[in-house]
Amino acid sequence: MNARHPEWEGIPIIDAHVHLGEDMDGSSCSEGELLRLMDDNRVQQGLALPFNEAEADDNFLTATRKNFALQQRFPDRILCGFRIDPKKDFRQTVDFARQHRIPVMKLHPTSQEFKIDSPCLRDLLDDVLGSGYRPLVFVHTDIIPEEGTGCDMLNCPKDVIQVARRYPDLGFVIAHCGRWCEATRIGIGKVDNVFIDTSIAPLFLIRKCLSIVGADRVVYGSDYPYSHPRIELEKIYLLNLPRKDAEAILGGNLRRVLAASASSAASAAVVATGKCPS
């Protein structure tokens, strides 16, 4: 039972945005810390994404192997995601992810210094699609100027929408509600394969995105350790949503998107999960 929010009792919560490992900025999260955090906040599963690791000369292959090993040890608690720098040789990391059907690929244009609409990313996405592999593409976005102010940021959310238009067979998640980019909120309503992650977004911004795309294209995430599940869950609770919308945002949408990818072996494990931890 969720003692803080009894209305959510029986809803299996998935945190679609947590980090595991150690970042170059000094942030870190161990597997024990992550599992305790999930238990304390009645989070059934966490999607573990690699940090911008200091030791990432192998294009995050080592971090991906660690995340996958943790998923194998705790298949009902951990979902594994992998991170990639499309500017570097990505074959080994992508081959490992493809072989083990890791369901989510994380892109961080700011940290890896590439534009989301660059040729190197097109090469990566073409390679992924050419093999029949369909990971959900999770893209970091950041605070940017409004449309018309000459934005040339590496991680402009409106560019994610343009890439998603070119790759309709892939699902994309725009992190942090696209931050302050009005073009995101206008454009996303017209692109069915783009979803919004709620992490670190102000309450009013989450509400605004919901009014545009509806609850079926929003996923809950905490971005731990940069925020905290208790804080981010409280935002969802304060939206005072109908139960069916809360179920969708808190985990149903992610389960549905991963299940839609027939190539993702991990999807079946998500769909088959049981009740929330007691």
C-alpha atoms as a PDB file:
ATOM      1  CA  MET A   1       0.000   0.000   0.000  1.00  0.00           C
ATOM      2  CA  ASN A   2       1.175   3.535  -0.771  1.00  0.00           C
ATOM      3  CA  ALA A   3       0.823   5.175   2.644  1.00  0.00           C
ATOM      4  CA  ARG A   4       1.296   8.707   1.313  1.00  0.00           C
ATOM      5  CA  HIS A   5      -1.116   8.311  -1.577  1.00  0.00           C
ATOM      6  CA  PRO A   6      -3.669   5.566  -0.868  1.00  0.00           C
ATOM      7  CA  GLU A   7      -5.486   6.473  -4.092  1.00  0.00           C
ATOM      8  CA  TRP A   8      -2.551   4.923  -5.945  1.00  0.00           C
ATOM      9  CA  GLU A   9      -2.697   1.584  -4.165  1.00  0.00           C
ATOM     10  CA  GLY A  10      -2.209  -1.229  -6.674  1.00  0.00           C
ATOM     11  CA  ILE A  11      -0.665   0.991  -9.353  1.00  0.00           C
ATOM     12  CA  PRO A  12       2.757  -0.431 -10.349  1.00  0.00           C
ATOM     13  CA  ILE A  13       5.082   2.570 -10.558  1.00  0.00           C
ATOM     14  CA  ILE A  14       8.026   2.663 -12.969  1.00  0.00           C
ATOM     15  CA  ASP A  15      10.625   5.397 -12.632  1.00  0.00           C
ATOM     16  CA  ALA A  16      11.575   5.955 -16.264  1.00  0.00           C
ATOM     17  CA  HIS A  17      14.642   8.064 -15.506  1.00  0.00           C
ATOM     18  CA  VAL A  18      17.208   7.089 -12.885  1.00  0.00           C
ATOM     19  CA  HIS A  19      20.988   6.967 -13.139  1.00  0.00           C
ATOM     20  CA  LEU A  20      23.419   4.301 -12.054  1.00  0.00           C
ATOM     21  CA  GLY A  21      27.177   4.617 -11.690  1.00  0.00           C
ATOM     22  CA  GLU A  22      29.305   7.738 -11.278  1.00  0.00           C
ATOM     23  CA  ASP A  23      29.179  10.922 -13.328  1.00  0.00           C
ATOM     24  CA  MET A  24      32.019  13.218 -14.294  1.00  0.00           C
ATOM     25  CA  ASP A  25      30.272  15.972 -12.302  1.00  0.00           C
ATOM     26  CA  GLY A  26      30.696  13.946  -9.094  1.00  0.00           C
ATOM     27  CA  SER A  27      27.131  12.667  -8.841  1.00  0.00           C
ATOM     28  CA  SER A  28      26.721   8.948  -8.192  1.00  0.00           C
ATOM     29  CA  CYS A  29      24.221   6.228  -7.386  1.00  0.00           C
ATOM     30  CA  SER A  30      25.070   2.667  -6.338  1.00  0.00           C
ATOM     31  CA  GLU A  31      22.844  -0.325  -6.967  1.00  0.00           C
ATOM     32  CA  GLY A  32      22.096  -0.680  -3.254  1.00  0.00           C
ATOM     33  CA  GLU A  33      21.136   2.988  -2.981  1.00  0.00           C
ATOM     34  CA  LEU A  34      18.885   2.716  -6.009  1.00  0.00           C
ATOM     35  CA  LEU A  35      17.047  -0.363  -4.752  1.00  0.00           C
ATOM     36  CA  ARG A  36      16.538   1.162  -1.282  1.00  0.00           C
ATOM     37  CA  LEU A  37      15.245   4.360  -2.843  1.00  0.00           C
ATOM     38  CA  MET A  38      12.761   2.410  -4.937  1.00  0.00           C
ATOM     39  CA  ASP A  39      11.542   0.444  -1.905  1.00  0.00           C
ATOM     40  CA  ASP A  40      11.159   3.586   0.203  1.00  0.00           C
ATOM     41  CA  ASN A  41       8.995   5.233  -2.447  1.00  0.00           C
ATOM     42  CA  ARG A  42       6.990   2.183  -3.578  1.00  0.00           C
ATOM     43  CA  VAL A  43       8.599   2.244  -7.022  1.00  0.00           C
ATOM     44  CA  GLN A  44       8.314  -1.184  -8.569  1.00  0.00           C
ATOM     45  CA  GLN A  45      10.862  -0.779 -11.369  1.00  0.00           C
ATOM     46  CA  GLY A  46      13.535   1.704 -12.333  1.00  0.00           C
ATOM     47  CA  LEU A  47      14.945   2.361 -15.782  1.00  0.00           C
ATOM     48  CA  ALA A  48      18.680   2.649 -15.060  1.00  0.00           C
ATOM     49  CA  LEU A  49      20.527   4.917 -17.487  1.00  0.00           C
ATOM     50  CA  PRO A  50      24.315   5.376 -17.401  1.00  0.00           C
ATOM     51  CA  PHE A  51      25.777   8.639 -16.185  1.00  0.00           C
ATOM     52  CA  ASN A  52      28.266  10.581 -18.268  1.00  0.00           C
ATOM     53  CA  GLU A  53      30.922   8.274 -16.877  1.00  0.00           C
ATOM     54  CA  ALA A  54      34.475   9.543 -16.424  1.00  0.00           C
ATOM     55  CA  GLU A  55      35.775   6.218 -17.746  1.00  0.00           C
ATOM     56  CA  ALA A  56      33.774   5.999 -20.961  1.00  0.00           C
ATOM     57  CA  ASP A  57      36.487   5.520 -23.562  1.00  0.00           C
ATOM     58  CA  ASP A  58      34.679   2.405 -24.796  1.00  0.00           C
ATOM     59  CA  ASN A  59      31.578   4.463 -25.683  1.00  0.00           C
ATOM     60  CA  PHE A  60      29.750   3.403 -22.501  1.00  0.00           C
ATOM     61  CA  LEU A  61      30.068  -0.330 -23.182  1.00  0.00           C
ATOM     62  CA  THR A  62      31.381  -1.008 -19.646  1.00  0.00           C
ATOM     63  CA  ALA A  63      28.548   0.999 -18.084  1.00  0.00           C
ATOM     64  CA  THR A  64      26.021  -0.825 -20.256  1.00  0.00           C
ATOM     65  CA  ARG A  65      27.396  -4.215 -19.197  1.00  0.00           C
ATOM     66  CA  LYS A  66      27.092  -3.194 -15.517  1.00  0.00           C
ATOM     67  CA  ASN A  67      23.498  -2.068 -15.946  1.00  0.00           C
ATOM     68  CA  PHE A  68      22.604  -5.225 -17.818  1.00  0.00           C
ATOM     69  CA  ALA A  69      24.204  -7.404 -15.127  1.00  0.00           C
ATOM     70  CA  LEU A  70      22.074  -5.637 -12.515  1.00  0.00           C
ATOM     71  CA  GLN A  71      18.952  -6.232 -14.587  1.00  0.00           C
ATOM     72  CA  GLN A  72      19.808  -9.920 -14.776  1.00  0.00           C
ATOM     73  CA  ARG A  73      20.143 -10.050 -10.983  1.00  0.00           C
ATOM     74  CA  PHE A  74      16.930  -8.100 -10.357  1.00  0.00           C
ATOM     75  CA  PRO A  75      14.783  -8.644 -13.473  1.00  0.00           C
ATOM     76  CA  ASP A  76      11.589  -7.613 -11.705  1.00  0.00           C
ATOM     77  CA  ARG A  77      13.096  -4.361 -10.367  1.00  0.00           C
ATOM     78  CA  ILE A  78      15.597  -3.011 -12.910  1.00  0.00           C
ATOM     79  CA  LEU A  79      15.233  -2.120 -16.567  1.00  0.00           C
ATOM     80  CA  CYS A  80      18.505  -1.561 -18.379  1.00  0.00           C
ATOM     81  CA  GLY A  81      19.190   1.344 -20.680  1.00  0.00           C
ATOM     82  CA  PHE A  82      22.383   2.107 -22.580  1.00  0.00           C
ATOM     83  CA  ARG A  83      24.071   5.395 -23.462  1.00  0.00           C
ATOM     84  CA  ILE A  84      25.890   6.195 -26.672  1.00  0.00           C
ATOM     85  CA  ASP A  85      28.003   8.885 -28.295  1.00  0.00           C
ATOM     86  CA  PRO A  86      27.162   8.791 -32.024  1.00  0.00           C
ATOM     87  CA  LYS A  87      30.343  10.702 -32.912  1.00  0.00           C
ATOM     88  CA  LYS A  88      32.472   7.736 -31.833  1.00  0.00           C
ATOM     89  CA  ASP A  89      32.564   4.154 -33.035  1.00  0.00           C
ATOM     90  CA  PHE A  90      29.286   2.832 -31.650  1.00  0.00           C
ATOM     91  CA  ARG A  91      29.312  -0.681 -33.086  1.00  0.00           C
ATOM     92  CA  GLN A  92      30.436  -2.640 -30.016  1.00  0.00           C
ATOM     93  CA  THR A  93      28.047  -0.920 -27.642  1.00  0.00           C
ATOM     94  CA  VAL A  94      25.104  -1.089 -30.035  1.00  0.00           C
ATOM     95  CA  ASP A  95      25.876  -4.725 -30.894  1.00  0.00           C
ATOM     96  CA  PHE A  96      25.842  -5.603 -27.185  1.00  0.00           C
ATOM     97  CA  ALA A  97      22.570  -3.720 -26.669  1.00  0.00           C
ATOM     98  CA  ARG A  98      21.060  -5.323 -29.755  1.00  0.00           C
ATOM     99  CA  GLN A  99      22.176  -8.816 -28.742  1.00  0.00           C
ATOM    100  CA  HIS A 100      20.594  -8.471 -25.296  1.00  0.00           C
ATOM    101  CA  ARG A 101      17.611  -6.474 -26.533  1.00  0.00           C
ATOM    102  CA  ILE A 102      18.236  -3.584 -24.156  1.00  0.00           C
ATOM    103  CA  PRO A 103      15.037  -1.592 -24.570  1.00  0.00           C
ATOM    104  CA  VAL A 104      16.171   2.040 -24.183  1.00  0.00           C
ATOM    105  CA  MET A 105      18.964   4.110 -25.760  1.00  0.00           C
ATOM    106  CA  LYS A 106      19.989   7.339 -23.984  1.00  0.00           C
ATOM    107  CA  LEU A 107      21.327  10.310 -25.942  1.00  0.00           C
ATOM    108  CA  HIS A 108      22.835  13.345 -24.208  1.00  0.00           C
ATOM    109  CA  PRO A 109      23.763  15.874 -26.905  1.00  0.00           C
ATOM    110  CA  THR A 110      25.126  18.385 -24.393  1.00  0.00           C
ATOM    111  CA  SER A 111      27.550  16.030 -22.646  1.00  0.00           C
ATOM    112  CA  GLN A 112      28.625  14.246 -25.831  1.00  0.00           C
ATOM    113  CA  GLU A 113      28.686  17.487 -27.852  1.00  0.00           C
ATOM    114  CA  PHE A 114      26.657  16.670 -30.930  1.00  0.00           C
ATOM    115  CA  LYS A 115      23.577  18.220 -32.488  1.00  0.00           C
ATOM    116  CA  ILE A 116      20.492  16.069 -32.415  1.00  0.00           C
ATOM    117  CA  ASP A 117      20.003  16.557 -36.174  1.00  0.00           C
ATOM    118  CA  SER A 118      23.643  15.781 -37.083  1.00  0.00           C
ATOM    119  CA  PRO A 119      24.703  13.199 -39.712  1.00  0.00           C
ATOM    120  CA  CYS A 120      26.440  11.068 -37.058  1.00  0.00           C
ATOM    121  CA  LEU A 121      23.128  10.523 -35.271  1.00  0.00           C
ATOM    122  CA  ARG A 122      21.402   9.655 -38.535  1.00  0.00           C
ATOM    123  CA  ASP A 123      24.115   7.031 -39.131  1.00  0.00           C
ATOM    124  CA  LEU A 124      23.419   5.570 -35.685  1.00  0.00           C
ATOM    125  CA  LEU A 125      19.644   5.489 -36.107  1.00  0.00           C
ATOM    126  CA  ASP A 126      19.930   4.031 -39.611  1.00  0.00           C
ATOM    127  CA  ASP A 127      22.192   1.286 -38.248  1.00  0.00           C
ATOM    128  CA  VAL A 128      19.769   0.497 -35.449  1.00  0.00           C
ATOM    129  CA  LEU A 129      16.717   0.382 -37.716  1.00  0.00           C
ATOM    130  CA  GLY A 130      18.533  -1.535 -40.437  1.00  0.00           C
ATOM    131  CA  SER A 131      18.977  -4.465 -38.070  1.00  0.00           C
ATOM    132  CA  GLY A 132      15.346  -4.503 -36.959  1.00  0.00           C
ATOM    133  CA  TYR A 133      16.268  -3.268 -33.486  1.00  0.00           C
ATOM    134  CA  ARG A 134      13.790  -0.766 -32.012  1.00  0.00           C
ATOM    135  CA  PRO A 135      15.009   0.734 -28.727  1.00  0.00           C
ATOM    136  CA  LEU A 136      13.105   3.651 -27.249  1.00  0.00           C
ATOM    137  CA  VAL A 137      15.295   6.745 -27.772  1.00  0.00           C
ATOM    138  CA  PHE A 138      15.554   8.859 -24.608  1.00  0.00           C
ATOM    139  CA  VAL A 139      16.929  12.348 -25.313  1.00  0.00           C
ATOM    140  CA  HIS A 140      18.208  14.837 -22.748  1.00  0.00           C
ATOM    141  CA  THR A 141      16.984  18.373 -23.331  1.00  0.00           C
ATOM    142  CA  ASP A 142      17.803  21.561 -21.504  1.00  0.00           C
ATOM    143  CA  ILE A 143      16.700  25.123 -20.895  1.00  0.00           C
ATOM    144  CA  ILE A 144      16.867  27.018 -24.187  1.00  0.00           C
ATOM    145  CA  PRO A 145      15.690  30.383 -25.534  1.00  0.00           C
ATOM    146  CA  GLU A 146      12.198  30.616 -26.970  1.00  0.00           C
ATOM    147  CA  GLU A 147      11.579  30.121 -30.683  1.00  0.00           C
ATOM    148  CA  GLY A 148      12.831  33.034 -32.757  1.00  0.00           C
ATOM    149  CA  THR A 149      15.689  34.019 -30.454  1.00  0.00           C
ATOM    150  CA  GLY A 150      18.443  32.381 -32.486  1.00  0.00           C
ATOM    151  CA  CYS A 151      18.761  29.167 -30.466  1.00  0.00           C
ATOM    152  CA  ASP A 152      21.647  27.001 -31.648  1.00  0.00           C
ATOM    153  CA  MET A 153      21.871  24.744 -28.597  1.00  0.00           C
ATOM    154  CA  LEU A 154      23.079  21.200 -29.114  1.00  0.00           C
ATOM    155  CA  ASN A 155      20.034  19.756 -27.380  1.00  0.00           C
ATOM    156  CA  CYS A 156      17.199  21.911 -28.710  1.00  0.00           C
ATOM    157  CA  PRO A 157      13.970  19.969 -28.043  1.00  0.00           C
ATOM    158  CA  LYS A 158      12.304  21.109 -31.259  1.00  0.00           C
ATOM    159  CA  ASP A 159      15.057  19.307 -33.199  1.00  0.00           C
ATOM    160  CA  VAL A 160      14.100  16.034 -31.505  1.00  0.00           C
ATOM    161  CA  ILE A 161      10.637  16.413 -33.009  1.00  0.00           C
ATOM    162  CA  GLN A 162      12.115  16.826 -36.495  1.00  0.00           C
ATOM    163  CA  VAL A 163      14.253  13.709 -36.056  1.00  0.00           C
ATOM    164  CA  ALA A 164      11.216  11.794 -34.801  1.00  0.00           C
ATOM    165  CA  ARG A 165       9.327  12.781 -37.948  1.00  0.00           C
ATOM    166  CA  ARG A 166      12.111  11.210 -40.039  1.00  0.00           C
ATOM    167  CA  TYR A 167      12.088   8.012 -37.946  1.00  0.00           C
ATOM    168  CA  PRO A 168       8.418   7.161 -37.326  1.00  0.00           C
ATOM    169  CA  ASP A 169       9.285   3.538 -36.475  1.00  0.00           C
ATOM    170  CA  LEU A 170      11.217   4.628 -33.381  1.00  0.00           C
ATOM    171  CA  GLY A 171       9.764   6.041 -30.188  1.00  0.00           C
ATOM    172  CA  PHE A 172      11.397   9.135 -28.671  1.00  0.00           C
ATOM    173  CA  VAL A 173      11.199  10.538 -25.146  1.00  0.00           C
ATOM    174  CA  ILE A 174      11.946  14.225 -24.618  1.00  0.00           C
ATOM    175  CA  ALA A 175      13.332  14.578 -21.097  1.00  0.00           C
ATOM    176  CA  HIS A 176      12.245  17.265 -18.631  1.00  0.00           C
ATOM    177  CA  CYS A 177       9.081  18.239 -20.563  1.00  0.00           C
ATOM    178  CA  GLY A 178      11.279  19.965 -23.131  1.00  0.00           C
ATOM    179  CA  ARG A 179      12.054  22.545 -20.438  1.00  0.00           C
ATOM    180  CA  TRP A 180      10.983  26.010 -21.599  1.00  0.00           C
ATOM    181  CA  CYS A 181      10.828  25.463 -25.340  1.00  0.00           C
ATOM    182  CA  GLU A 182       7.401  26.558 -26.578  1.00  0.00           C
ATOM    183  CA  ALA A 183       8.127  24.989 -29.971  1.00  0.00           C
ATOM    184  CA  THR A 184       8.285  21.604 -28.255  1.00  0.00           C
ATOM    185  CA  ARG A 185       4.863  21.918 -26.737  1.00  0.00           C
ATOM    186  CA  ILE A 186       3.379  23.104 -30.002  1.00  0.00           C
ATOM    187  CA  GLY A 187       5.117  20.557 -32.217  1.00  0.00           C
ATOM    188  CA  ILE A 188       4.811  17.463 -30.066  1.00  0.00           C
ATOM    189  CA  GLY A 189       1.055  17.369 -30.406  1.00  0.00           C
ATOM    190  CA  LYS A 190       1.516  16.573 -34.093  1.00  0.00           C
ATOM    191  CA  VAL A 191       4.084  13.760 -33.773  1.00  0.00           C
ATOM    192  CA  ASP A 192       2.663  10.528 -32.359  1.00  0.00           C
ATOM    193  CA  ASN A 193       5.992   8.782 -31.680  1.00  0.00           C
ATOM    194  CA  VAL A 194       7.260  11.418 -29.212  1.00  0.00           C
ATOM    195  CA  PHE A 195       6.673  11.210 -25.461  1.00  0.00           C
ATOM    196  CA  ILE A 196       7.379  13.578 -22.576  1.00  0.00           C
ATOM    197  CA  ASP A 197       9.341  12.758 -19.403  1.00  0.00           C
ATOM    198  CA  THR A 198       8.216  14.709 -16.312  1.00  0.00           C
ATOM    199  CA  SER A 199      11.503  14.781 -14.379  1.00  0.00           C
ATOM    200  CA  ILE A 200      12.639  18.115 -12.898  1.00  0.00           C
ATOM    201  CA  ALA A 201       9.873  19.989 -14.727  1.00  0.00           C
ATOM    202  CA  PRO A 202       7.802  22.545 -12.808  1.00  0.00           C
ATOM    203  CA  LEU A 203       4.271  21.490 -11.990  1.00  0.00           C
ATOM    204  CA  PHE A 204       2.694  24.064 -14.296  1.00  0.00           C
ATOM    205  CA  LEU A 205       4.828  22.830 -17.202  1.00  0.00           C
ATOM    206  CA  ILE A 206       3.773  19.208 -16.671  1.00  0.00           C
ATOM    207  CA  ARG A 207       0.150  20.358 -16.566  1.00  0.00           C
ATOM    208  CA  LYS A 208       0.598  22.351 -19.767  1.00  0.00           C
ATOM    209  CA  CYS A 209       2.150  19.379 -21.599  1.00  0.00           C
ATOM    210  CA  LEU A 210      -0.706  17.161 -20.432  1.00  0.00           C
ATOM    211  CA  SER A 211      -3.221  19.621 -21.851  1.00  0.00           C
ATOM    212  CA  ILE A 212      -1.502  19.373 -25.251  1.00  0.00           C
ATOM    213  CA  VAL A 213      -0.597  15.692 -25.644  1.00  0.00           C
ATOM    214  CA  GLY A 214      -2.804  13.986 -23.057  1.00  0.00           C
ATOM    215  CA  ALA A 215      -1.861  11.490 -20.381  1.00  0.00           C
ATOM    216  CA  ASP A 216      -1.082   8.699 -22.894  1.00  0.00           C
ATOM    217  CA  ARG A 217       2.175  10.347 -23.994  1.00  0.00           C
ATOM    218  CA  VAL A 218       3.664  11.347 -20.660  1.00  0.00           C
ATOM    219  CA  VAL A 219       5.970   9.174 -18.517  1.00  0.00           C
ATOM    220  CA  TYR A 220       6.991   9.700 -14.917  1.00  0.00           C
ATOM    221  CA  GLY A 221      10.704   9.990 -14.132  1.00  0.00           C
ATOM    222  CA  SER A 222      12.753  11.308 -11.221  1.00  0.00           C
ATOM    223  CA  ASP A 223      16.209  11.837 -12.819  1.00  0.00           C
ATOM    224  CA  TYR A 224      17.710  10.639  -9.523  1.00  0.00           C
ATOM    225  CA  PRO A 225      20.153  11.736  -8.092  1.00  0.00           C
ATOM    226  CA  TYR A 226      19.514  15.131  -9.714  1.00  0.00           C
ATOM    227  CA  SER A 227      16.076  15.102  -8.149  1.00  0.00           C
ATOM    228  CA  HIS A 228      14.281  12.606  -5.881  1.00  0.00           C
ATOM    229  CA  PRO A 229      11.382  10.183  -6.510  1.00  0.00           C
ATOM    230  CA  ARG A 230       9.423  11.545  -3.557  1.00  0.00           C
ATOM    231  CA  ILE A 231       9.563  15.079  -4.963  1.00  0.00           C
ATOM    232  CA  GLU A 232       8.759  14.051  -8.515  1.00  0.00           C
ATOM    233  CA  LEU A 233       5.933  11.690  -7.482  1.00  0.00           C
ATOM    234  CA  GLU A 234       4.390  14.458  -5.402  1.00  0.00           C
ATOM    235  CA  LYS A 235       4.106  16.604  -8.525  1.00  0.00           C
ATOM    236  CA  ILE A 236       2.112  13.883 -10.270  1.00  0.00           C
ATOM    237  CA  TYR A 237      -0.093  13.481  -7.212  1.00  0.00           C
ATOM    238  CA  LEU A 238      -0.778  17.221  -7.072  1.00  0.00           C
ATOM    239  CA  LEU A 239      -2.141  17.100 -10.618  1.00  0.00           C
ATOM    240  CA  ASN A 240      -5.212  15.377  -9.111  1.00  0.00           C
ATOM    241  CA  LEU A 241      -5.586  13.110 -12.133  1.00  0.00           C
ATOM    242  CA  PRO A 242      -8.212  10.453 -12.739  1.00  0.00           C
ATOM    243  CA  ARG A 243      -6.865   7.051 -11.716  1.00  0.00           C
ATOM    244  CA  LYS A 244      -6.589   5.847 -15.321  1.00  0.00           C
ATOM    245  CA  ASP A 245      -4.400   8.827 -16.211  1.00  0.00           C
ATOM    246  CA  ALA A 246      -2.226   8.327 -13.126  1.00  0.00           C
ATOM    247  CA  GLU A 247      -1.798   4.642 -14.048  1.00  0.00           C
ATOM    248  CA  ALA A 248      -0.715   5.623 -17.555  1.00  0.00           C
ATOM    249  CA  ILE A 249       1.843   8.210 -16.454  1.00  0.00           C
ATOM    250  CA  LEU A 250       3.242   6.238 -13.515  1.00  0.00           C
ATOM    251  CA  GLY A 251       4.123   3.199 -15.601  1.00  0.00           C
ATOM    252  CA  GLY A 252       1.434   2.151 -18.045  1.00  0.00           C
ATOM    253  CA  ASN A 253       2.704   4.242 -20.918  1.00  0.00           C
ATOM    254  CA  LEU A 254       6.255   2.949 -20.617  1.00  0.00           C
ATOM    255  CA  ARG A 255       5.042  -0.650 -20.455  1.00  0.00           C
ATOM    256  CA  ARG A 256       2.908  -0.057 -23.539  1.00  0.00           C
ATOM    257  CA  VAL A 257       5.699   1.552 -25.551  1.00  0.00           C
ATOM    258  CA  LEU A 258       8.206  -1.173 -24.711  1.00  0.00           C
ATOM    259  CA  ALA A 259       5.667  -3.905 -25.361  1.00  0.00           C
ATOM    260  CA  ALA A 260       5.031  -2.423 -28.811  1.00  0.00           C
ATOM    261  CA  SER A 261       8.622  -3.213 -29.720  1.00  0.00           C
ATOM    262  CA  ALA A 262       8.485  -6.857 -30.685  1.00  0.00           C
ATOM    263  CA  SER A 263      12.292  -6.963 -30.765  1.00  0.00           C
ATOM    264  CA  SER A 264      12.682  -6.062 -27.091  1.00  0.00           C
ATOM    265  CA  ALA A 265      12.930  -9.174 -24.932  1.00  0.00           C
ATOM    266  CA  ALA A 266      12.943  -6.969 -21.856  1.00  0.00           C
ATOM    267  CA  SER A 267       9.509  -5.661 -22.791  1.00  0.00           C
ATOM    268  CA  ALA A 268       7.863  -8.963 -21.934  1.00  0.00           C
ATOM    269  CA  ALA A 269       9.365  -8.865 -18.465  1.00  0.00           C
ATOM    270  CA  VAL A 270       7.919  -5.396 -17.912  1.00  0.00           C
ATOM    271  CA  VAL A 271       4.441  -6.347 -19.054  1.00  0.00           C
ATOM    272  CA  ALA A 272       4.472  -9.478 -16.887  1.00  0.00           C
ATOM    273  CA  THR A 273       5.411  -7.726 -13.639  1.00  0.00           C
ATOM    274  CA  GLY A 274       3.267  -8.085 -10.545  1.00  0.00           C
ATOM    275  CA  LYS A 275       2.127  -5.719  -7.830  1.00  0.00           C
ATOM    276  CA  CYS A 276       4.008  -2.892  -6.183  1.00  0.00           C
ATOM    277  CA  PRO A 277       6.491  -3.819  -3.489  1.00  0.00           C
ATOM    278  CA  SER A 278       4.807  -3.972  -0.091  1.00  0.00           C
END
